[in-house]
Full PDB file with SEQRES, HELIX, SHEET, SSBOND, CRYST1, ORIGX, SCALE, CONECT and MASTER records, all heavy atoms in Angstrom:
SEQRES   1 A   33  GLN ARG ILE VAL GLY VAL GLU THR GLY GLY CYS PRO HIS          
SEQRES   2 A   33  THR ALA ILE ARG ASP ASP VAL SER MET ASN ALA LEU ALA          
SEQRES   3 A   33  ILE GLU GLU LEU GLU ARG ARG                                  
HELIX    1 AA1 PRO A   12  ARG A   17  1                                   6    
HELIX    2 AA2 SER A   21  ARG A   32  1                                  12    
CRYST1    1.000    1.000    1.000  90.00  90.00  90.00 P 1           1          
ORIGX1      1.000000  0.000000  0.000000        0.00000                         
ORIGX2      0.000000  1.000000  0.000000        0.00000                         
ORIGX3      0.000000  0.000000  1.000000        0.00000                         
SCALE1      1.000000  0.000000  0.000000        0.00000                         
SCALE2      0.000000  1.000000  0.000000        0.00000                         
SCALE3      0.000000  0.000000  1.000000        0.00000                         
ATOM      1  N   GLN A   1      14.153   6.935   8.517  1.00  0.00           N  
ATOM      2  CA  GLN A   1      14.465   7.838   7.420  1.00  0.00           C  
ATOM      3  C   GLN A   1      13.672   7.496   6.158  1.00  0.00           C  
ATOM      4  O   GLN A   1      13.606   8.213   5.173  1.00  0.00           O  
ATOM      5  CB  GLN A   1      15.985   7.782   7.089  1.00  0.00           C  
ATOM      6  CG  GLN A   1      16.505   6.417   6.630  1.00  0.00           C  
ATOM      7  CD  GLN A   1      16.986   5.582   7.779  1.00  0.00           C  
ATOM      8  OE1 GLN A   1      16.594   5.761   8.891  1.00  0.00           O  
ATOM      9  NE2 GLN A   1      17.887   4.661   7.467  1.00  0.00           N  
ATOM     10  N   ARG A   2      12.986   6.345   6.149  1.00  0.00           N  
ATOM     11  CA  ARG A   2      12.158   5.951   5.045  1.00  0.00           C  
ATOM     12  C   ARG A   2      10.667   6.435   5.227  1.00  0.00           C  
ATOM     13  O   ARG A   2       9.812   6.068   4.416  1.00  0.00           O  
ATOM     14  CB  ARG A   2      12.160   4.405   4.873  1.00  0.00           C  
ATOM     15  CG  ARG A   2      13.439   3.819   4.371  1.00  0.00           C  
ATOM     16  CD  ARG A   2      13.653   4.163   2.896  1.00  0.00           C  
ATOM     17  NE  ARG A   2      14.886   3.582   2.354  1.00  0.00           N  
ATOM     18  CZ  ARG A   2      14.947   2.401   1.738  1.00  0.00           C  
ATOM     19  NH1 ARG A   2      13.849   1.680   1.560  1.00  0.00           N  
ATOM     20  NH2 ARG A   2      16.088   1.981   1.263  1.00  0.00           N  
ATOM     21  N   ILE A   3      10.396   7.140   6.292  1.00  0.00           N  
ATOM     22  CA  ILE A   3       9.015   7.536   6.592  1.00  0.00           C  
ATOM     23  C   ILE A   3       8.977   9.073   6.698  1.00  0.00           C  
ATOM     24  O   ILE A   3       9.759   9.687   7.441  1.00  0.00           O  
ATOM     25  CB  ILE A   3       8.533   6.944   7.961  1.00  0.00           C  
ATOM     26  CG1 ILE A   3       8.631   5.434   7.903  1.00  0.00           C  
ATOM     27  CG2 ILE A   3       7.106   7.401   8.260  1.00  0.00           C  
ATOM     28  CD1 ILE A   3       8.457   4.775   9.242  1.00  0.00           C  
ATOM     29  N   VAL A   4       8.122   9.690   5.923  1.00  0.00           N  
ATOM     30  CA  VAL A   4       7.952  11.158   5.931  1.00  0.00           C  
ATOM     31  C   VAL A   4       6.560  11.529   6.349  1.00  0.00           C  
ATOM     32  O   VAL A   4       5.577  10.950   5.765  1.00  0.00           O  
ATOM     33  CB  VAL A   4       8.268  11.734   4.532  1.00  0.00           C  
ATOM     34  CG1 VAL A   4       8.007  13.233   4.541  1.00  0.00           C  
ATOM     35  CG2 VAL A   4       9.685  11.476   4.144  1.00  0.00           C  
ATOM     36  N   GLY A   5       6.417  12.372   7.328  1.00  0.00           N  
ATOM     37  CA  GLY A   5       5.071  12.891   7.734  1.00  0.00           C  
ATOM     38  C   GLY A   5       4.759  14.260   7.185  1.00  0.00           C  
ATOM     39  O   GLY A   5       5.594  15.171   7.366  1.00  0.00           O  
ATOM     40  N   VAL A   6       3.725  14.381   6.441  1.00  0.00           N  
ATOM     41  CA  VAL A   6       3.283  15.694   5.877  1.00  0.00           C  
ATOM     42  C   VAL A   6       2.232  16.245   6.768  1.00  0.00           C  
ATOM     43  O   VAL A   6       1.260  15.644   7.105  1.00  0.00           O  
ATOM     44  CB  VAL A   6       2.763  15.475   4.450  1.00  0.00           C  
ATOM     45  CG1 VAL A   6       2.150  16.816   3.921  1.00  0.00           C  
ATOM     46  CG2 VAL A   6       3.853  15.044   3.495  1.00  0.00           C  
ATOM     47  N   GLU A   7       2.409  17.496   7.185  1.00  0.00           N  
ATOM     48  CA  GLU A   7       1.407  18.265   7.919  1.00  0.00           C  
ATOM     49  C   GLU A   7       0.669  19.140   6.935  1.00  0.00           C  
ATOM     50  O   GLU A   7       1.211  20.170   6.452  1.00  0.00           O  
ATOM     51  CB  GLU A   7       2.058  19.093   9.005  1.00  0.00           C  
ATOM     52  CG  GLU A   7       2.699  18.254  10.087  1.00  0.00           C  
ATOM     53  CD  GLU A   7       3.360  19.046  11.215  1.00  0.00           C  
ATOM     54  OE1 GLU A   7       2.660  19.927  11.776  1.00  0.00           O  
ATOM     55  OE2 GLU A   7       4.595  18.870  11.446  1.00  0.00           O  
ATOM     56  N   THR A   8      -0.525  18.813   6.590  1.00  0.00           N  
ATOM     57  CA  THR A   8      -1.233  19.470   5.484  1.00  0.00           C  
ATOM     58  C   THR A   8      -1.775  20.842   5.883  1.00  0.00           C  
ATOM     59  O   THR A   8      -2.040  21.680   5.068  1.00  0.00           O  
ATOM     60  CB  THR A   8      -2.375  18.579   4.986  1.00  0.00           C  
ATOM     61  OG1 THR A   8      -3.343  18.465   6.044  1.00  0.00           O  
ATOM     62  CG2 THR A   8      -1.882  17.250   4.543  1.00  0.00           C  
ATOM     63  N   GLY A   9      -2.074  21.085   7.191  1.00  0.00           N  
ATOM     64  CA  GLY A   9      -2.641  22.321   7.596  1.00  0.00           C  
ATOM     65  C   GLY A   9      -4.117  22.454   7.262  1.00  0.00           C  
ATOM     66  O   GLY A   9      -4.776  23.480   7.544  1.00  0.00           O  
ATOM     67  N   GLY A  10      -4.700  21.416   6.695  1.00  0.00           N  
ATOM     68  CA  GLY A  10      -6.106  21.405   6.333  1.00  0.00           C  
ATOM     69  C   GLY A  10      -6.505  20.000   6.007  1.00  0.00           C  
ATOM     70  O   GLY A  10      -5.791  19.074   6.374  1.00  0.00           O  
ATOM     71  N   CYS A  11      -7.594  19.816   5.385  1.00  0.00           N  
ATOM     72  CA  CYS A  11      -8.120  18.474   5.082  1.00  0.00           C  
ATOM     73  C   CYS A  11      -7.067  17.633   4.305  1.00  0.00           C  
ATOM     74  O   CYS A  11      -6.688  18.034   3.239  1.00  0.00           O  
ATOM     75  CB  CYS A  11      -9.408  18.577   4.266  1.00  0.00           C  
ATOM     76  SG  CYS A  11     -10.063  16.950   3.763  1.00  0.00           S  
ATOM     77  N   PRO A  12      -6.624  16.508   4.886  1.00  0.00           N  
ATOM     78  CA  PRO A  12      -5.647  15.735   4.185  1.00  0.00           C  
ATOM     79  C   PRO A  12      -6.098  15.285   2.830  1.00  0.00           C  
ATOM     80  O   PRO A  12      -5.281  15.027   1.933  1.00  0.00           O  
ATOM     81  CB  PRO A  12      -5.383  14.530   5.145  1.00  0.00           C  
ATOM     82  CG  PRO A  12      -5.829  15.015   6.448  1.00  0.00           C  
ATOM     83  CD  PRO A  12      -6.982  15.987   6.183  1.00  0.00           C  
ATOM     84  N   HIS A  13      -7.436  15.095   2.622  1.00  0.00           N  
ATOM     85  CA  HIS A  13      -7.867  14.637   1.346  1.00  0.00           C  
ATOM     86  C   HIS A  13      -7.597  15.674   0.177  1.00  0.00           C  
ATOM     87  O   HIS A  13      -7.376  15.254  -0.877  1.00  0.00           O  
ATOM     88  CB  HIS A  13      -9.417  14.335   1.375  1.00  0.00           C  
ATOM     89  CG  HIS A  13      -9.740  13.316   2.419  1.00  0.00           C  
ATOM     90  ND1 HIS A  13     -10.683  13.570   3.431  1.00  0.00           N  
ATOM     91  CD2 HIS A  13      -9.291  12.082   2.637  1.00  0.00           C  
ATOM     92  CE1 HIS A  13     -10.783  12.469   4.214  1.00  0.00           C  
ATOM     93  NE2 HIS A  13      -9.893  11.610   3.750  1.00  0.00           N  
ATOM     94  N   THR A  14      -7.596  16.956   0.582  1.00  0.00           N  
ATOM     95  CA  THR A  14      -7.330  17.931  -0.415  1.00  0.00           C  
ATOM     96  C   THR A  14      -5.871  17.790  -0.909  1.00  0.00           C  
ATOM     97  O   THR A  14      -5.550  17.999  -2.093  1.00  0.00           O  
ATOM     98  CB  THR A  14      -7.480  19.356   0.159  1.00  0.00           C  
ATOM     99  OG1 THR A  14      -8.874  19.518   0.559  1.00  0.00           O  
ATOM    100  CG2 THR A  14      -7.125  20.450  -0.838  1.00  0.00           C  
ATOM    101  N   ALA A  15      -4.964  17.441   0.015  1.00  0.00           N  
ATOM    102  CA  ALA A  15      -3.563  17.315  -0.321  1.00  0.00           C  
ATOM    103  C   ALA A  15      -3.235  16.077  -1.180  1.00  0.00           C  
ATOM    104  O   ALA A  15      -2.107  15.991  -1.685  1.00  0.00           O  
ATOM    105  CB  ALA A  15      -2.729  17.333   0.942  1.00  0.00           C  
ATOM    106  N   ILE A  16      -4.158  15.196  -1.293  1.00  0.00           N  
ATOM    107  CA  ILE A  16      -3.928  13.983  -2.116  1.00  0.00           C  
ATOM    108  C   ILE A  16      -4.793  13.996  -3.343  1.00  0.00           C  
ATOM    109  O   ILE A  16      -4.698  13.168  -4.226  1.00  0.00           O  
ATOM    110  CB  ILE A  16      -4.090  12.668  -1.293  1.00  0.00           C  
ATOM    111  CG1 ILE A  16      -5.472  12.575  -0.662  1.00  0.00           C  
ATOM    112  CG2 ILE A  16      -2.984  12.537  -0.256  1.00  0.00           C  
ATOM    113  CD1 ILE A  16      -6.491  11.780  -1.410  1.00  0.00           C  
ATOM    114  N   ARG A  17      -5.684  15.005  -3.411  1.00  0.00           N  
ATOM    115  CA  ARG A  17      -6.639  15.023  -4.575  1.00  0.00           C  
ATOM    116  C   ARG A  17      -6.612  16.331  -5.365  1.00  0.00           C  
ATOM    117  O   ARG A  17      -6.557  16.315  -6.585  1.00  0.00           O  
ATOM    118  CB  ARG A  17      -8.059  14.805  -4.003  1.00  0.00           C  
ATOM    119  CG  ARG A  17      -9.124  14.831  -5.059  1.00  0.00           C  
ATOM    120  CD  ARG A  17     -10.519  14.722  -4.397  1.00  0.00           C  
ATOM    121  NE  ARG A  17     -10.754  15.870  -3.469  1.00  0.00           N  
ATOM    122  CZ  ARG A  17     -11.389  15.761  -2.352  1.00  0.00           C  
ATOM    123  NH1 ARG A  17     -11.822  14.605  -1.896  1.00  0.00           N  
ATOM    124  NH2 ARG A  17     -11.539  16.834  -1.556  1.00  0.00           N  
ATOM    125  N   ASP A  18      -6.576  17.487  -4.650  1.00  0.00           N  
ATOM    126  CA  ASP A  18      -6.747  18.739  -5.322  1.00  0.00           C  
ATOM    127  C   ASP A  18      -5.449  19.512  -5.591  1.00  0.00           C  
ATOM    128  O   ASP A  18      -5.090  19.844  -6.684  1.00  0.00           O  
ATOM    129  CB  ASP A  18      -7.667  19.673  -4.575  1.00  0.00           C  
ATOM    130  CG  ASP A  18      -9.015  19.047  -4.304  1.00  0.00           C  
ATOM    131  OD1 ASP A  18      -9.528  18.385  -5.276  1.00  0.00           O  
ATOM    132  OD2 ASP A  18      -9.637  19.184  -3.246  1.00  0.00           O  
ATOM    133  N   ASP A  19      -4.634  19.673  -4.511  1.00  0.00           N  
ATOM    134  CA  ASP A  19      -3.328  20.227  -4.625  1.00  0.00           C  
ATOM    135  C   ASP A  19      -2.342  19.253  -4.017  1.00  0.00           C  
ATOM    136  O   ASP A  19      -2.189  19.189  -2.806  1.00  0.00           O  
ATOM    137  CB  ASP A  19      -3.242  21.595  -3.899  1.00  0.00           C  
ATOM    138  CG  ASP A  19      -1.844  22.228  -3.996  1.00  0.00           C  
ATOM    139  OD1 ASP A  19      -0.964  21.611  -4.633  1.00  0.00           O  
ATOM    140  OD2 ASP A  19      -1.671  23.310  -3.443  1.00  0.00           O  
ATOM    141  N   VAL A  20      -1.692  18.437  -4.868  1.00  0.00           N  
ATOM    142  CA  VAL A  20      -0.849  17.348  -4.410  1.00  0.00           C  
ATOM    143  C   VAL A  20       0.600  17.766  -4.192  1.00  0.00           C  
ATOM    144  O   VAL A  20       1.450  16.929  -3.974  1.00  0.00           O  
ATOM    145  CB  VAL A  20      -0.920  16.183  -5.351  1.00  0.00           C  
ATOM    146  CG1 VAL A  20      -2.361  15.716  -5.527  1.00  0.00           C  
ATOM    147  CG2 VAL A  20      -0.310  16.514  -6.744  1.00  0.00           C  
ATOM    148  N   SER A  21       0.894  19.056  -4.267  1.00  0.00           N  
ATOM    149  CA  SER A  21       2.279  19.523  -4.304  1.00  0.00           C  
ATOM    150  C   SER A  21       3.052  19.111  -3.049  1.00  0.00           C  
ATOM    151  O   SER A  21       4.236  18.747  -3.123  1.00  0.00           O  
ATOM    152  CB  SER A  21       2.333  21.014  -4.500  1.00  0.00           C  
ATOM    153  OG  SER A  21       1.632  21.708  -3.514  1.00  0.00           O  
ATOM    154  N   MET A  22       2.395  19.202  -1.861  1.00  0.00           N  
ATOM    155  CA  MET A  22       3.129  18.824  -0.641  1.00  0.00           C  
ATOM    156  C   MET A  22       3.545  17.331  -0.662  1.00  0.00           C  
ATOM    157  O   MET A  22       4.657  17.009  -0.225  1.00  0.00           O  
ATOM    158  CB  MET A  22       2.247  19.114   0.603  1.00  0.00           C  
ATOM    159  CG  MET A  22       2.122  20.539   0.967  1.00  0.00           C  
ATOM    160  SD  MET A  22       1.252  20.818   2.504  1.00  0.00           S  
ATOM    161  CE  MET A  22      -0.440  20.519   2.003  1.00  0.00           C  
ATOM    162  N   ASN A  23       2.625  16.484  -1.144  1.00  0.00           N  
ATOM    163  CA  ASN A  23       2.989  15.103  -1.222  1.00  0.00           C  
ATOM    164  C   ASN A  23       3.997  14.773  -2.322  1.00  0.00           C  
ATOM    165  O   ASN A  23       4.899  13.946  -2.119  1.00  0.00           O  
ATOM    166  CB  ASN A  23       1.717  14.272  -1.381  1.00  0.00           C  
ATOM    167  CG  ASN A  23       0.941  14.034  -0.131  1.00  0.00           C  
ATOM    168  OD1 ASN A  23       1.306  13.142   0.650  1.00  0.00           O  
ATOM    169  ND2 ASN A  23      -0.058  14.775   0.086  1.00  0.00           N  
ATOM    170  N   ALA A  24       3.882  15.461  -3.429  1.00  0.00           N  
ATOM    171  CA  ALA A  24       4.846  15.253  -4.465  1.00  0.00           C  
ATOM    172  C   ALA A  24       6.248  15.647  -4.050  1.00  0.00           C  
ATOM    173  O   ALA A  24       7.240  14.957  -4.288  1.00  0.00           O  
ATOM    174  CB  ALA A  24       4.420  16.071  -5.747  1.00  0.00           C  
ATOM    175  N   LEU A  25       6.383  16.759  -3.331  1.00  0.00           N  
ATOM    176  CA  LEU A  25       7.637  17.236  -2.797  1.00  0.00           C  
ATOM    177  C   LEU A  25       8.188  16.249  -1.749  1.00  0.00           C  
ATOM    178  O   LEU A  25       9.385  16.012  -1.742  1.00  0.00           O  
ATOM    179  CB  LEU A  25       7.522  18.623  -2.195  1.00  0.00           C  
ATOM    180  CG  LEU A  25       7.340  19.773  -3.204  1.00  0.00           C  
ATOM    181  CD1 LEU A  25       7.028  21.088  -2.489  1.00  0.00           C  
ATOM    182  CD2 LEU A  25       8.590  19.942  -4.052  1.00  0.00           C  
ATOM    183  N   ALA A  26       7.272  15.701  -0.916  1.00  0.00           N  
ATOM    184  CA  ALA A  26       7.745  14.732   0.084  1.00  0.00           C  
ATOM    185  C   ALA A  26       8.299  13.463  -0.511  1.00  0.00           C  
ATOM    186  O   ALA A  26       9.288  12.920  -0.123  1.00  0.00           O  
ATOM    187  CB  ALA A  26       6.586  14.399   0.977  1.00  0.00           C  
ATOM    188  N   ILE A  27       7.631  12.982  -1.628  1.00  0.00           N  
ATOM    189  CA  ILE A  27       8.135  11.837  -2.356  1.00  0.00           C  
ATOM    190  C   ILE A  27       9.490  12.130  -2.966  1.00  0.00           C  
ATOM    191  O   ILE A  27      10.413  11.334  -2.873  1.00  0.00           O  
ATOM    192  CB  ILE A  27       7.154  11.384  -3.447  1.00  0.00           C  
ATOM    193  CG1 ILE A  27       5.853  10.861  -2.769  1.00  0.00           C  
ATOM    194  CG2 ILE A  27       7.700  10.297  -4.299  1.00  0.00           C  
ATOM    195  CD1 ILE A  27       4.671  10.741  -3.745  1.00  0.00           C  
ATOM    196  N   GLU A  28       9.590  13.280  -3.596  1.00  0.00           N  
ATOM    197  CA  GLU A  28      10.863  13.615  -4.263  1.00  0.00           C  
ATOM    198  C   GLU A  28      11.986  13.731  -3.190  1.00  0.00           C  
ATOM    199  O   GLU A  28      13.136  13.295  -3.456  1.00  0.00           O  
ATOM    200  CB  GLU A  28      10.703  14.968  -5.012  1.00  0.00           C  
ATOM    201  CG  GLU A  28       9.797  14.837  -6.221  1.00  0.00           C  
ATOM    202  CD  GLU A  28       9.537  16.231  -6.874  1.00  0.00           C  
ATOM    203  OE1 GLU A  28      10.176  17.231  -6.448  1.00  0.00           O  
ATOM    204  OE2 GLU A  28       8.761  16.242  -7.812  1.00  0.00           O  
ATOM    205  N   GLU A  29      11.725  14.355  -2.083  1.00  0.00           N  
ATOM    206  CA  GLU A  29      12.709  14.451  -1.016  1.00  0.00           C  
ATOM    207  C   GLU A  29      13.064  13.063  -0.473  1.00  0.00           C  
ATOM    208  O   GLU A  29      14.303  12.805  -0.226  1.00  0.00           O  
ATOM    209  CB  GLU A  29      12.201  15.300   0.123  1.00  0.00           C  
ATOM    210  CG  GLU A  29      13.024  15.326   1.407  1.00  0.00           C  
ATOM    211  CD  GLU A  29      14.446  15.866   1.199  1.00  0.00           C  
ATOM    212  OE1 GLU A  29      14.686  16.561   0.185  1.00  0.00           O  
ATOM    213  OE2 GLU A  29      15.319  15.505   1.977  1.00  0.00           O  
ATOM    214  N   LEU A  30      12.095  12.208  -0.327  1.00  0.00           N  
ATOM    215  CA  LEU A  30      12.382  10.863   0.165  1.00  0.00           C  
ATOM    216  C   LEU A  30      13.284  10.132  -0.759  1.00  0.00           C  
ATOM    217  O   LEU A  30      14.277   9.473  -0.337  1.00  0.00           O  
ATOM    218  CB  LEU A  30      11.076  10.143   0.305  1.00  0.00           C  
ATOM    219  CG  LEU A  30      11.032   8.729   0.937  1.00  0.00           C  
ATOM    220  CD1 LEU A  30      11.562   8.740   2.360  1.00  0.00           C  
ATOM    221  CD2 LEU A  30       9.648   8.151   0.946  1.00  0.00           C  
ATOM    222  N   GLU A  31      13.069  10.181  -2.067  1.00  0.00           N  
ATOM    223  CA  GLU A  31      13.907   9.510  -3.048  1.00  0.00           C  
ATOM    224  C   GLU A  31      15.240  10.205  -3.248  1.00  0.00           C  
ATOM    225  O   GLU A  31      16.239   9.534  -3.505  1.00  0.00           O  
ATOM    226  CB  GLU A  31      13.168   9.337  -4.342  1.00  0.00           C  
ATOM    227  CG  GLU A  31      11.950   8.458  -4.263  1.00  0.00           C  
ATOM    228  CD  GLU A  31      11.457   7.959  -5.619  1.00  0.00           C  
ATOM    229  OE1 GLU A  31      11.182   8.820  -6.473  1.00  0.00           O  
ATOM    230  OE2 GLU A  31      11.457   6.726  -5.811  1.00  0.00           O  
ATOM    231  N   ARG A  32      15.311  11.459  -3.066  1.00  0.00           N  
ATOM    232  CA  ARG A  32      16.576  12.188  -3.114  1.00  0.00           C  
ATOM    233  C   ARG A  32      17.475  11.752  -1.985  1.00  0.00           C  
ATOM    234  O   ARG A  32      18.701  11.539  -2.159  1.00  0.00           O  
ATOM    235  CB  ARG A  32      16.373  13.704  -3.081  1.00  0.00           C  
ATOM    236  CG  ARG A  32      17.682  14.485  -3.248  1.00  0.00           C  
ATOM    237  CD  ARG A  32      17.480  15.912  -2.810  1.00  0.00           C  
ATOM    238  NE  ARG A  32      17.249  16.046  -1.388  1.00  0.00           N  
ATOM    239  CZ  ARG A  32      18.164  15.901  -0.462  1.00  0.00           C  
ATOM    240  NH1 ARG A  32      19.406  15.715  -0.759  1.00  0.00           N  
ATOM    241  NH2 ARG A  32      17.803  16.011   0.823  1.00  0.00           N  
ATOM    242  N   ARG A  33      16.838  11.540  -0.810  1.00  0.00           N  
ATOM    243  CA  ARG A  33      17.620  11.205   0.365  1.00  0.00           C  
ATOM    244  C   ARG A  33      17.967   9.731   0.411  1.00  0.00           C  
ATOM    245  O   ARG A  33      19.064   9.356   0.820  1.00  0.00           O  
ATOM    246  CB  ARG A  33      16.756  11.576   1.621  1.00  0.00           C  
ATOM    247  CG  ARG A  33      17.443  11.488   2.950  1.00  0.00           C  
ATOM    248  CD  ARG A  33      16.588  12.027   3.989  1.00  0.00           C  
ATOM    249  NE  ARG A  33      15.439  11.162   4.263  1.00  0.00           N  
ATOM    250  CZ  ARG A  33      14.258  11.558   4.600  1.00  0.00           C  
ATOM    251  NH1 ARG A  33      14.039  12.862   4.726  1.00  0.00           N  
ATOM    252  NH2 ARG A  33      13.249  10.720   4.783  1.00  0.00           N  
TER     253      ARG A  33                                                      
MASTER        0    0    0    2    0    0    0    6  252    1    0    3          
END                                                                             
C-alpha cells in the first residue's frame, strides 16, 4: 500500500518534467491513504 504505479501512456519523462499532474495526484492519494 506504500507503492503506487503510474501508467503514463507516453514518455515517463514528460510526466515528471512537463505535465506532472499524474504524479502529483499519485503522491496526494498515497498520503491521503
